Amino acid sequence: MRPVIARVLSLGILALGACEPAPPARDFDVVEATIAEIQAAIEDGRITCVGVVDAYLARITAYDKPSGLNAITVVNP
């Protein structure tokens, strides 16, 4: 019985190892997109709401922090 279980587990591990990871999200530039384009991209699955927020937070960090501008002093968690 043990060899059968070992073979089944081995085959399962091999099958999972053969699975490809999810493809990376297609590039979507939220900065240049309109609200309608962002909504369509979310509906199509090209980007998630979390992805949109992360992109905007990354943009704030990239432009606001290094320059010392501090135009956005607080980001609501």
N, C-alpha and C. Protein backbone atom coordinates (compact mmCIF):
# COMPACT_ATOMS: atom_id res chain seq x y z
N MET A 1 0.82 -1.20 0.00
CA MET A 1 0.00 0.00 0.00
C MET A 1 0.86 1.26 0.00
N ARG A 2 1.97 1.23 0.74
CA ARG A 2 2.82 2.42 0.83
C ARG A 2 3.43 2.80 -0.52
N PRO A 3 3.90 1.83 -1.33
CA PRO A 3 4.45 2.22 -2.63
C PRO A 3 3.40 2.89 -3.53
N VAL A 4 2.16 2.47 -3.40
CA VAL A 4 1.09 3.07 -4.20
C VAL A 4 0.89 4.52 -3.79
N ILE A 5 0.87 4.78 -2.50
CA ILE A 5 0.69 6.15 -2.00
C ILE A 5 1.87 7.01 -2.43
N ALA A 6 3.07 6.46 -2.34
CA ALA A 6 4.27 7.20 -2.73
C ALA A 6 4.22 7.55 -4.22
N ARG A 7 3.77 6.62 -5.04
CA ARG A 7 3.67 6.89 -6.49
C ARG A 7 2.62 7.95 -6.78
N VAL A 8 1.49 7.85 -6.12
CA VAL A 8 0.43 8.84 -6.33
C VAL A 8 0.91 10.23 -5.92
N LEU A 9 1.56 10.31 -4.78
CA LEU A 9 2.08 11.60 -4.33
C LEU A 9 3.15 12.13 -5.28
N SER A 10 4.01 11.24 -5.77
CA SER A 10 5.05 11.65 -6.71
C SER A 10 4.44 12.19 -8.00
N LEU A 11 3.43 11.50 -8.49
CA LEU A 11 2.76 11.97 -9.71
C LEU A 11 2.07 13.31 -9.47
N GLY A 12 1.48 13.46 -8.31
CA GLY A 12 0.84 14.74 -7.98
C GLY A 12 1.83 15.88 -7.93
N ILE A 13 2.99 15.62 -7.33
CA ILE A 13 4.03 16.65 -7.25
C ILE A 13 4.55 16.98 -8.65
N LEU A 14 4.74 15.96 -9.48
CA LEU A 14 5.18 16.21 -10.85
C LEU A 14 4.15 17.01 -11.63
N ALA A 15 2.88 16.69 -11.44
CA ALA A 15 1.82 17.42 -12.15
C ALA A 15 1.79 18.88 -11.72
N LEU A 16 1.95 19.13 -10.44
CA LEU A 16 1.95 20.52 -9.96
C LEU A 16 3.19 21.26 -10.43
N GLY A 17 4.29 20.56 -10.51
CA GLY A 17 5.52 21.18 -10.98
C GLY A 17 5.45 21.56 -12.45
N ALA A 18 4.64 20.86 -13.21
CA ALA A 18 4.51 21.15 -14.63
C ALA A 18 3.57 22.32 -14.90
N CYS A 19 2.83 22.74 -13.90
CA CYS A 19 1.91 23.86 -14.08
C CYS A 19 2.70 25.15 -14.25
N GLU A 20 2.27 25.96 -15.18
CA GLU A 20 2.92 27.24 -15.39
C GLU A 20 2.37 28.26 -14.41
N PRO A 21 3.21 29.16 -13.96
CA PRO A 21 2.69 30.21 -13.09
C PRO A 21 1.76 31.12 -13.88
N ALA A 22 0.92 31.82 -13.17
CA ALA A 22 0.00 32.74 -13.83
C ALA A 22 0.80 33.77 -14.62
N PRO A 23 0.34 34.10 -15.81
CA PRO A 23 1.08 35.08 -16.59
C PRO A 23 1.06 36.44 -15.89
N PRO A 24 2.13 37.19 -16.03
CA PRO A 24 2.14 38.50 -15.38
C PRO A 24 1.05 39.40 -15.96
N ALA A 25 0.59 40.30 -15.14
CA ALA A 25 -0.45 41.22 -15.59
C ALA A 25 0.07 42.00 -16.79
N ARG A 26 -0.79 42.13 -17.77
CA ARG A 26 -0.40 42.92 -18.94
C ARG A 26 -0.16 44.35 -18.50
N ASP A 27 0.85 44.94 -19.09
CA ASP A 27 1.17 46.31 -18.72
C ASP A 27 -0.03 47.21 -18.94
N PHE A 28 -0.35 47.94 -17.92
CA PHE A 28 -1.46 48.88 -17.99
C PHE A 28 -1.02 50.13 -17.27
N ASP A 29 -0.96 51.23 -17.98
CA ASP A 29 -0.50 52.49 -17.41
C ASP A 29 -1.69 53.28 -16.89
N VAL A 30 -1.86 53.28 -15.58
CA VAL A 30 -3.01 53.99 -15.00
C VAL A 30 -2.86 55.49 -15.12
N VAL A 31 -1.65 55.97 -15.26
CA VAL A 31 -1.42 57.42 -15.35
C VAL A 31 -2.03 57.99 -16.62
N GLU A 32 -1.87 57.28 -17.71
CA GLU A 32 -2.36 57.77 -19.00
C GLU A 32 -3.80 57.33 -19.29
N ALA A 33 -4.36 56.50 -18.44
CA ALA A 33 -5.69 55.95 -18.70
C ALA A 33 -6.79 56.86 -18.17
N THR A 34 -7.91 56.83 -18.86
CA THR A 34 -9.09 57.54 -18.37
C THR A 34 -9.81 56.65 -17.37
N ILE A 35 -10.77 57.21 -16.67
CA ILE A 35 -11.56 56.42 -15.73
C ILE A 35 -12.26 55.28 -16.46
N ALA A 36 -12.80 55.56 -17.63
CA ALA A 36 -13.49 54.52 -18.41
C ALA A 36 -12.53 53.41 -18.81
N GLU A 37 -11.30 53.76 -19.18
CA GLU A 37 -10.30 52.75 -19.56
C GLU A 37 -9.88 51.92 -18.35
N ILE A 38 -9.75 52.55 -17.20
CA ILE A 38 -9.41 51.80 -15.98
C ILE A 38 -10.54 50.83 -15.64
N GLN A 39 -11.78 51.30 -15.74
CA GLN A 39 -12.93 50.44 -15.46
C GLN A 39 -12.96 49.26 -16.42
N ALA A 40 -12.73 49.52 -17.70
CA ALA A 40 -12.73 48.44 -18.69
C ALA A 40 -11.60 47.45 -18.42
N ALA A 41 -10.43 47.95 -18.02
CA ALA A 41 -9.30 47.07 -17.72
C ALA A 41 -9.59 46.19 -16.51
N ILE A 42 -10.26 46.75 -15.52
CA ILE A 42 -10.64 45.95 -14.34
C ILE A 42 -11.64 44.88 -14.73
N GLU A 43 -12.63 45.26 -15.54
CA GLU A 43 -13.65 44.29 -15.97
C GLU A 43 -13.05 43.19 -16.84
N ASP A 44 -12.04 43.54 -17.67
CA ASP A 44 -11.40 42.56 -18.54
C ASP A 44 -10.39 41.69 -17.81
N GLY A 45 -10.04 42.08 -16.58
CA GLY A 45 -9.06 41.32 -15.81
C GLY A 45 -7.62 41.68 -16.12
N ARG A 46 -7.41 42.78 -16.85
CA ARG A 46 -6.04 43.21 -17.14
C ARG A 46 -5.37 43.81 -15.92
N ILE A 47 -6.14 44.30 -14.98
CA ILE A 47 -5.62 44.88 -13.75
C ILE A 47 -6.69 44.73 -12.67
N THR A 48 -6.27 44.73 -11.43
CA THR A 48 -7.22 44.65 -10.32
C THR A 48 -7.32 46.01 -9.66
N CYS A 49 -8.31 46.16 -8.81
CA CYS A 49 -8.45 47.41 -8.04
C CYS A 49 -7.21 47.63 -7.18
N VAL A 50 -6.71 46.55 -6.60
CA VAL A 50 -5.50 46.65 -5.79
C VAL A 50 -4.33 47.10 -6.66
N GLY A 51 -4.26 46.60 -7.87
CA GLY A 51 -3.20 47.00 -8.79
C GLY A 51 -3.26 48.48 -9.13
N VAL A 52 -4.48 49.00 -9.31
CA VAL A 52 -4.65 50.43 -9.59
C VAL A 52 -4.15 51.26 -8.42
N VAL A 53 -4.58 50.88 -7.22
CA VAL A 53 -4.16 51.63 -6.02
C VAL A 53 -2.65 51.53 -5.84
N ASP A 54 -2.09 50.34 -6.02
CA ASP A 54 -0.64 50.17 -5.88
C ASP A 54 0.12 51.04 -6.89
N ALA A 55 -0.40 51.13 -8.11
CA ALA A 55 0.25 51.95 -9.13
C ALA A 55 0.25 53.42 -8.73
N TYR A 56 -0.88 53.89 -8.21
CA TYR A 56 -0.95 55.29 -7.79
C TYR A 56 -0.06 55.54 -6.57
N LEU A 57 -0.02 54.61 -5.63
CA LEU A 57 0.85 54.78 -4.46
C LEU A 57 2.32 54.77 -4.86
N ALA A 58 2.67 53.92 -5.83
CA ALA A 58 4.04 53.89 -6.32
C ALA A 58 4.40 55.21 -7.00
N ARG A 59 3.45 55.78 -7.71
CA ARG A 59 3.68 57.07 -8.37
C ARG A 59 3.88 58.17 -7.33
N ILE A 60 3.08 58.15 -6.28
CA ILE A 60 3.24 59.14 -5.21
C ILE A 60 4.62 59.01 -4.59
N THR A 61 5.02 57.78 -4.31
CA THR A 61 6.33 57.55 -3.70
C THR A 61 7.45 58.00 -4.63
N ALA A 62 7.31 57.74 -5.91
CA ALA A 62 8.36 58.07 -6.87
C ALA A 62 8.54 59.57 -7.05
N TYR A 63 7.46 60.32 -7.03
CA TYR A 63 7.56 61.75 -7.32
C TYR A 63 7.55 62.62 -6.08
N ASP A 64 6.83 62.24 -5.07
CA ASP A 64 6.63 63.11 -3.91
C ASP A 64 7.76 62.99 -2.90
N LYS A 65 8.15 61.78 -2.58
CA LYS A 65 9.14 61.56 -1.52
C LYS A 65 10.54 62.06 -1.87
N PRO A 66 11.13 61.65 -3.01
CA PRO A 66 12.51 62.05 -3.29
C PRO A 66 12.69 63.55 -3.46
N SER A 67 11.68 64.21 -3.98
CA SER A 67 11.81 65.64 -4.24
C SER A 67 11.64 66.48 -2.99
N GLY A 68 11.10 65.87 -1.94
CA GLY A 68 10.83 66.62 -0.72
C GLY A 68 9.63 67.54 -0.87
N LEU A 69 8.87 67.34 -1.92
CA LEU A 69 7.72 68.19 -2.20
C LEU A 69 6.66 68.06 -1.11
N ASN A 70 6.42 66.83 -0.66
CA ASN A 70 5.42 66.54 0.36
C ASN A 70 4.05 67.11 0.03
N ALA A 71 3.67 67.01 -1.24
CA ALA A 71 2.35 67.48 -1.66
C ALA A 71 1.27 66.59 -1.07
N ILE A 72 1.58 65.33 -0.88
CA ILE A 72 0.64 64.40 -0.26
C ILE A 72 1.28 63.98 1.06
N THR A 73 0.79 64.54 2.14
CA THR A 73 1.42 64.29 3.44
C THR A 73 0.89 63.05 4.13
N VAL A 74 -0.37 62.69 3.85
CA VAL A 74 -0.97 61.54 4.51
C VAL A 74 -1.70 60.71 3.47
N VAL A 75 -1.44 59.40 3.49
CA VAL A 75 -2.17 58.46 2.65
C VAL A 75 -3.03 57.63 3.57
N ASN A 76 -4.33 57.65 3.32
CA ASN A 76 -5.27 56.91 4.17
C ASN A 76 -5.04 55.42 3.99
N PRO A 77 -4.71 54.70 5.06
CA PRO A 77 -4.45 53.27 4.93
C PRO A 77 -5.73 52.57 4.63
